Amino acid sequence: MIGNDNFGKYKNELQIVLEPHSDPRKNLVGKIPPEELMLLDFVKPWIKFKFVPKN
């Protein structure tokens, strides 16, 4: 999810959300397929990574 303008100082911040929830201050921008969730083990604070669309 990405924080929108209503999210204050956290707007434009990417959040990987593990539990379903609804917050009007955040916009869902994508989903990680269940078979690729193990890749989250490699995402650490301040590490650079990118999402690549699956064709």
PDB file of N, CA and C in Angstrom:
ATOM      1  N   MET A   1       0.840  -1.153   0.000  1.00  0.00           N
ATOM      2  CA  MET A   1       0.000   0.000   0.000  1.00  0.00           C
ATOM      3  C   MET A   1       0.896   1.229   0.000  1.00  0.00           C
ATOM      4  N   ILE A   2       0.385   2.296  -0.554  1.00  0.00           N
ATOM      5  CA  ILE A   2       1.084   3.578  -0.569  1.00  0.00           C
ATOM      6  C   ILE A   2       0.207   4.580   0.177  1.00  0.00           C
ATOM      7  N   GLY A   3       0.815   5.300   1.114  1.00  0.00           N
ATOM      8  CA  GLY A   3       0.068   6.327   1.840  1.00  0.00           C
ATOM      9  C   GLY A   3      -0.286   7.479   0.913  1.00  0.00           C
ATOM     10  N   ASN A   4      -1.539   7.907   0.942  1.00  0.00           N
ATOM     11  CA  ASN A   4      -1.956   9.015   0.087  1.00  0.00           C
ATOM     12  C   ASN A   4      -1.828  10.349   0.827  1.00  0.00           C
ATOM     13  N   ASP A   5      -2.310  11.429   0.232  1.00  0.00           N
ATOM     14  CA  ASP A   5      -2.153  12.768   0.811  1.00  0.00           C
ATOM     15  C   ASP A   5      -2.753  12.894   2.211  1.00  0.00           C
ATOM     16  N   ASN A   6      -3.723  12.056   2.542  1.00  0.00           N
ATOM     17  CA  ASN A   6      -4.359  12.114   3.859  1.00  0.00           C
ATOM     18  C   ASN A   6      -3.543  11.408   4.949  1.00  0.00           C
ATOM     19  N   PHE A   7      -2.390  10.844   4.578  1.00  0.00           N
ATOM     20  CA  PHE A   7      -1.595  10.073   5.534  1.00  0.00           C
ATOM     21  C   PHE A   7      -0.464  10.901   6.156  1.00  0.00           C
ATOM     22  N   GLY A   8      -0.532  12.216   5.986  1.00  0.00           N
ATOM     23  CA  GLY A   8       0.418  13.115   6.640  1.00  0.00           C
ATOM     24  C   GLY A   8       1.849  12.886   6.199  1.00  0.00           C
ATOM     25  N   LYS A   9       2.757  12.859   7.171  1.00  0.00           N
ATOM     26  CA  LYS A   9       4.182  12.743   6.845  1.00  0.00           C
ATOM     27  C   LYS A   9       4.541  11.394   6.229  1.00  0.00           C
ATOM     28  N   TYR A  10       3.637  10.431   6.275  1.00  0.00           N
ATOM     29  CA  TYR A  10       3.897   9.109   5.702  1.00  0.00           C
ATOM     30  C   TYR A  10       3.355   8.962   4.284  1.00  0.00           C
ATOM     31  N   LYS A  11       2.837  10.052   3.696  1.00  0.00           N
ATOM     32  CA  LYS A  11       2.311   9.935   2.331  1.00  0.00           C
ATOM     33  C   LYS A  11       3.442   9.525   1.394  1.00  0.00           C
ATOM     34  N   ASN A  12       3.098   8.764   0.381  1.00  0.00           N
ATOM     35  CA  ASN A  12       4.024   8.207  -0.616  1.00  0.00           C
ATOM     36  C   ASN A  12       4.940   7.122  -0.052  1.00  0.00           C
ATOM     37  N   GLU A  13       4.720   6.701   1.182  1.00  0.00           N
ATOM     38  CA  GLU A  13       5.532   5.639   1.767  1.00  0.00           C
ATOM     39  C   GLU A  13       4.931   4.283   1.413  1.00  0.00           C
ATOM     40  N   LEU A  14       5.792   3.359   0.997  1.00  0.00           N
ATOM     41  CA  LEU A  14       5.362   2.005   0.672  1.00  0.00           C
ATOM     42  C   LEU A  14       5.229   1.194   1.950  1.00  0.00           C
ATOM     43  N   GLN A  15       4.139   0.460   2.072  1.00  0.00           N
ATOM     44  CA  GLN A  15       3.953  -0.448   3.199  1.00  0.00           C
ATOM     45  C   GLN A  15       3.579  -1.815   2.658  1.00  0.00           C
ATOM     46  N   ILE A  16       4.272  -2.840   3.102  1.00  0.00           N
ATOM     47  CA  ILE A  16       3.904  -4.208   2.759  1.00  0.00           C
ATOM     48  C   ILE A  16       2.991  -4.691   3.876  1.00  0.00           C
ATOM     49  N   VAL A  17       1.747  -4.927   3.535  1.00  0.00           N
ATOM     50  CA  VAL A  17       0.717  -5.256   4.518  1.00  0.00           C
ATOM     51  C   VAL A  17       0.480  -6.768   4.505  1.00  0.00           C
ATOM     52  N   LEU A  18       0.642  -7.399   5.664  1.00  0.00           N
ATOM     53  CA  LEU A  18       0.507  -8.843   5.754  1.00  0.00           C
ATOM     54  C   LEU A  18      -0.877  -9.302   6.188  1.00  0.00           C
ATOM     55  N   GLU A  19      -1.627  -8.434   6.818  1.00  0.00           N
ATOM     56  CA  GLU A  19      -2.973  -8.768   7.290  1.00  0.00           C
ATOM     57  C   GLU A  19      -3.992  -7.903   6.556  1.00  0.00           C
ATOM     58  N   PRO A  20      -5.119  -8.483   6.105  1.00  0.00           N
ATOM     59  CA  PRO A  20      -6.139  -7.677   5.423  1.00  0.00           C
ATOM     60  C   PRO A  20      -6.679  -6.579   6.335  1.00  0.00           C
ATOM     61  N   HIS A  21      -6.781  -5.392   5.806  1.00  0.00           N
ATOM     62  CA  HIS A  21      -7.408  -4.294   6.541  1.00  0.00           C
ATOM     63  C   HIS A  21      -7.780  -3.206   5.559  1.00  0.00           C
ATOM     64  N   SER A  22      -8.551  -2.257   6.023  1.00  0.00           N
ATOM     65  CA  SER A  22      -8.992  -1.158   5.172  1.00  0.00           C
ATOM     66  C   SER A  22      -8.648   0.155   5.857  1.00  0.00           C
ATOM     67  N   ASP A  23      -7.961   1.027   5.155  1.00  0.00           N
ATOM     68  CA  ASP A  23      -7.611   2.339   5.674  1.00  0.00           C
ATOM     69  C   ASP A  23      -7.714   3.321   4.513  1.00  0.00           C
ATOM     70  N   PRO A  24      -8.651   4.266   4.574  1.00  0.00           N
ATOM     71  CA  PRO A  24      -8.844   5.190   3.442  1.00  0.00           C
ATOM     72  C   PRO A  24      -7.634   6.074   3.170  1.00  0.00           C
ATOM     73  N   ARG A  25      -6.657   6.100   4.074  1.00  0.00           N
ATOM     74  CA  ARG A  25      -5.452   6.910   3.861  1.00  0.00           C
ATOM     75  C   ARG A  25      -4.401   6.175   3.038  1.00  0.00           C
ATOM     76  N   LYS A  26      -4.677   4.903   2.698  1.00  0.00           N
ATOM     77  CA  LYS A  26      -3.720   4.079   1.965  1.00  0.00           C
ATOM     78  C   LYS A  26      -4.365   3.536   0.693  1.00  0.00           C
ATOM     79  N   ASN A  27      -3.556   3.416  -0.354  1.00  0.00           N
ATOM     80  CA  ASN A  27      -4.037   2.888  -1.620  1.00  0.00           C
ATOM     81  C   ASN A  27      -3.318   1.580  -1.938  1.00  0.00           C
ATOM     82  N   LEU A  28      -4.094   0.548  -2.242  1.00  0.00           N
ATOM     83  CA  LEU A  28      -3.528  -0.734  -2.638  1.00  0.00           C
ATOM     84  C   LEU A  28      -2.975  -0.588  -4.052  1.00  0.00           C
ATOM     85  N   VAL A  29      -1.716  -0.932  -4.249  1.00  0.00           N
ATOM     86  CA  VAL A  29      -1.087  -0.777  -5.566  1.00  0.00           C
ATOM     87  C   VAL A  29      -0.657  -2.111  -6.174  1.00  0.00           C
ATOM     88  N   GLY A  30      -0.739  -3.201  -5.425  1.00  0.00           N
ATOM     89  CA  GLY A  30      -0.358  -4.497  -5.967  1.00  0.00           C
ATOM     90  C   GLY A  30      -0.474  -5.580  -4.924  1.00  0.00           C
ATOM     91  N   LYS A  31      -0.282  -6.810  -5.376  1.00  0.00           N
ATOM     92  CA  LYS A  31      -0.324  -7.967  -4.480  1.00  0.00           C
ATOM     93  C   LYS A  31       0.837  -8.882  -4.818  1.00  0.00           C
ATOM     94  N   ILE A  32       1.344  -9.573  -3.816  1.00  0.00           N
ATOM     95  CA  ILE A  32       2.406 -10.547  -3.998  1.00  0.00           C
ATOM     96  C   ILE A  32       1.743 -11.922  -4.058  1.00  0.00           C
ATOM     97  N   PRO A  33       1.978 -12.680  -5.126  1.00  0.00           N
ATOM     98  CA  PRO A  33       1.378 -14.015  -5.215  1.00  0.00           C
ATOM     99  C   PRO A  33       1.838 -14.897  -4.050  1.00  0.00           C
ATOM    100  N   PRO A  34       0.961 -15.762  -3.556  1.00  0.00           N
ATOM    101  CA  PRO A  34       1.315 -16.618  -2.410  1.00  0.00           C
ATOM    102  C   PRO A  34       2.609 -17.400  -2.616  1.00  0.00           C
ATOM    103  N   GLU A  35       2.875 -17.864  -3.835  1.00  0.00           N
ATOM    104  CA  GLU A  35       4.076 -18.655  -4.081  1.00  0.00           C
ATOM    105  C   GLU A  35       5.357 -17.816  -4.063  1.00  0.00           C
ATOM    106  N   GLU A  36       5.225 -16.492  -3.974  1.00  0.00           N
ATOM    107  CA  GLU A  36       6.403 -15.625  -3.925  1.00  0.00           C
ATOM    108  C   GLU A  36       6.551 -14.890  -2.585  1.00  0.00           C
ATOM    109  N   LEU A  37       5.687 -15.199  -1.620  1.00  0.00           N
ATOM    110  CA  LEU A  37       5.757 -14.543  -0.312  1.00  0.00           C
ATOM    111  C   LEU A  37       7.074 -14.817   0.408  1.00  0.00           C
ATOM    112  N   MET A  38       7.746 -15.931   0.071  1.00  0.00           N
ATOM    113  CA  MET A  38       9.011 -16.239   0.721  1.00  0.00           C
ATOM    114  C   MET A  38      10.068 -15.190   0.406  1.00  0.00           C
ATOM    115  N   LEU A  39       9.880 -14.412  -0.647  1.00  0.00           N
ATOM    116  CA  LEU A  39      10.831 -13.353  -0.993  1.00  0.00           C
ATOM    117  C   LEU A  39      10.846 -12.236   0.048  1.00  0.00           C
ATOM    118  N   LEU A  40       9.781 -12.121   0.838  1.00  0.00           N
ATOM    119  CA  LEU A  40       9.733 -11.084   1.878  1.00  0.00           C
ATOM    120  C   LEU A  40      10.825 -11.299   2.928  1.00  0.00           C
ATOM    121  N   ASP A  41      11.318 -12.516   3.060  1.00  0.00           N
ATOM    122  CA  ASP A  41      12.411 -12.786   4.003  1.00  0.00           C
ATOM    123  C   ASP A  41      13.673 -12.012   3.640  1.00  0.00           C
ATOM    124  N   PHE A  42      13.791 -11.601   2.382  1.00  0.00           N
ATOM    125  CA  PHE A  42      14.984 -10.892   1.919  1.00  0.00           C
ATOM    126  C   PHE A  42      14.832  -9.371   1.974  1.00  0.00           C
ATOM    127  N   VAL A  43      13.638  -8.885   2.286  1.00  0.00           N
ATOM    128  CA  VAL A  43      13.399  -7.441   2.373  1.00  0.00           C
ATOM    129  C   VAL A  43      13.690  -6.994   3.802  1.00  0.00           C
ATOM    130  N   LYS A  44      14.701  -6.174   3.948  1.00  0.00           N
ATOM    131  CA  LYS A  44      15.126  -5.666   5.261  1.00  0.00           C
ATOM    132  C   LYS A  44      15.025  -4.143   5.259  1.00  0.00           C
ATOM    133  N   PRO A  45      14.964  -3.517   6.428  1.00  0.00           N
ATOM    134  CA  PRO A  45      14.896  -2.040   6.483  1.00  0.00           C
ATOM    135  C   PRO A  45      16.048  -1.402   5.709  1.00  0.00           C
ATOM    136  N   TRP A  46      15.710  -0.418   4.920  1.00  0.00           N
ATOM    137  CA  TRP A  46      16.635   0.415   4.145  1.00  0.00           C
ATOM    138  C   TRP A  46      17.313  -0.310   2.989  1.00  0.00           C
ATOM    139  N   ILE A  47      16.936  -1.544   2.712  1.00  0.00           N
ATOM    140  CA  ILE A  47      17.501  -2.247   1.563  1.00  0.00           C
ATOM    141  C   ILE A  47      16.738  -1.803   0.307  1.00  0.00           C
ATOM    142  N   LYS A  48      17.446  -1.735  -0.803  1.00  0.00           N
ATOM    143  CA  LYS A  48      16.807  -1.354  -2.063  1.00  0.00           C
ATOM    144  C   LYS A  48      16.275  -2.601  -2.750  1.00  0.00           C
ATOM    145  N   PHE A  49      15.048  -2.486  -3.285  1.00  0.00           N
ATOM    146  CA  PHE A  49      14.447  -3.567  -4.055  1.00  0.00           C
ATOM    147  C   PHE A  49      13.448  -2.951  -5.021  1.00  0.00           C
ATOM    148  N   LYS A  50      12.997  -3.743  -5.964  1.00  0.00           N
ATOM    149  CA  LYS A  50      11.979  -3.242  -6.875  1.00  0.00           C
ATOM    150  C   LYS A  50      10.985  -4.356  -7.185  1.00  0.00           C
ATOM    151  N   PHE A  51       9.800  -3.934  -7.547  1.00  0.00           N
ATOM    152  CA  PHE A  51       8.767  -4.867  -7.976  1.00  0.00           C
ATOM    153  C   PHE A  51       8.801  -4.926  -9.494  1.00  0.00           C
ATOM    154  N   VAL A  52       8.722  -6.127 -10.033  1.00  0.00           N
ATOM    155  CA  VAL A  52       8.715  -6.318 -11.482  1.00  0.00           C
ATOM    156  C   VAL A  52       7.368  -6.936 -11.858  1.00  0.00           C
ATOM    157  N   PRO A  53       6.623  -6.284 -12.753  1.00  0.00           N
ATOM    158  CA  PRO A  53       5.311  -6.856 -13.123  1.00  0.00           C
ATOM    159  C   PRO A  53       5.468  -8.205 -13.800  1.00  0.00           C
ATOM    160  N   LYS A  54       4.569  -9.088 -13.461  1.00  0.00           N
ATOM    161  CA  LYS A  54       4.560 -10.421 -14.052  1.00  0.00           C
ATOM    162  C   LYS A  54       3.673 -10.376 -15.287  1.00  0.00           C
ATOM    163  N   ASN A  55       4.186 -10.827 -16.404  1.00  0.00           N
ATOM    164  CA  ASN A  55       3.399 -10.798 -17.661  1.00  0.00           C
ATOM    165  C   ASN A  55       2.469 -11.946 -17.777  1.00  0.00           C
TER     166      ASN A  55
END
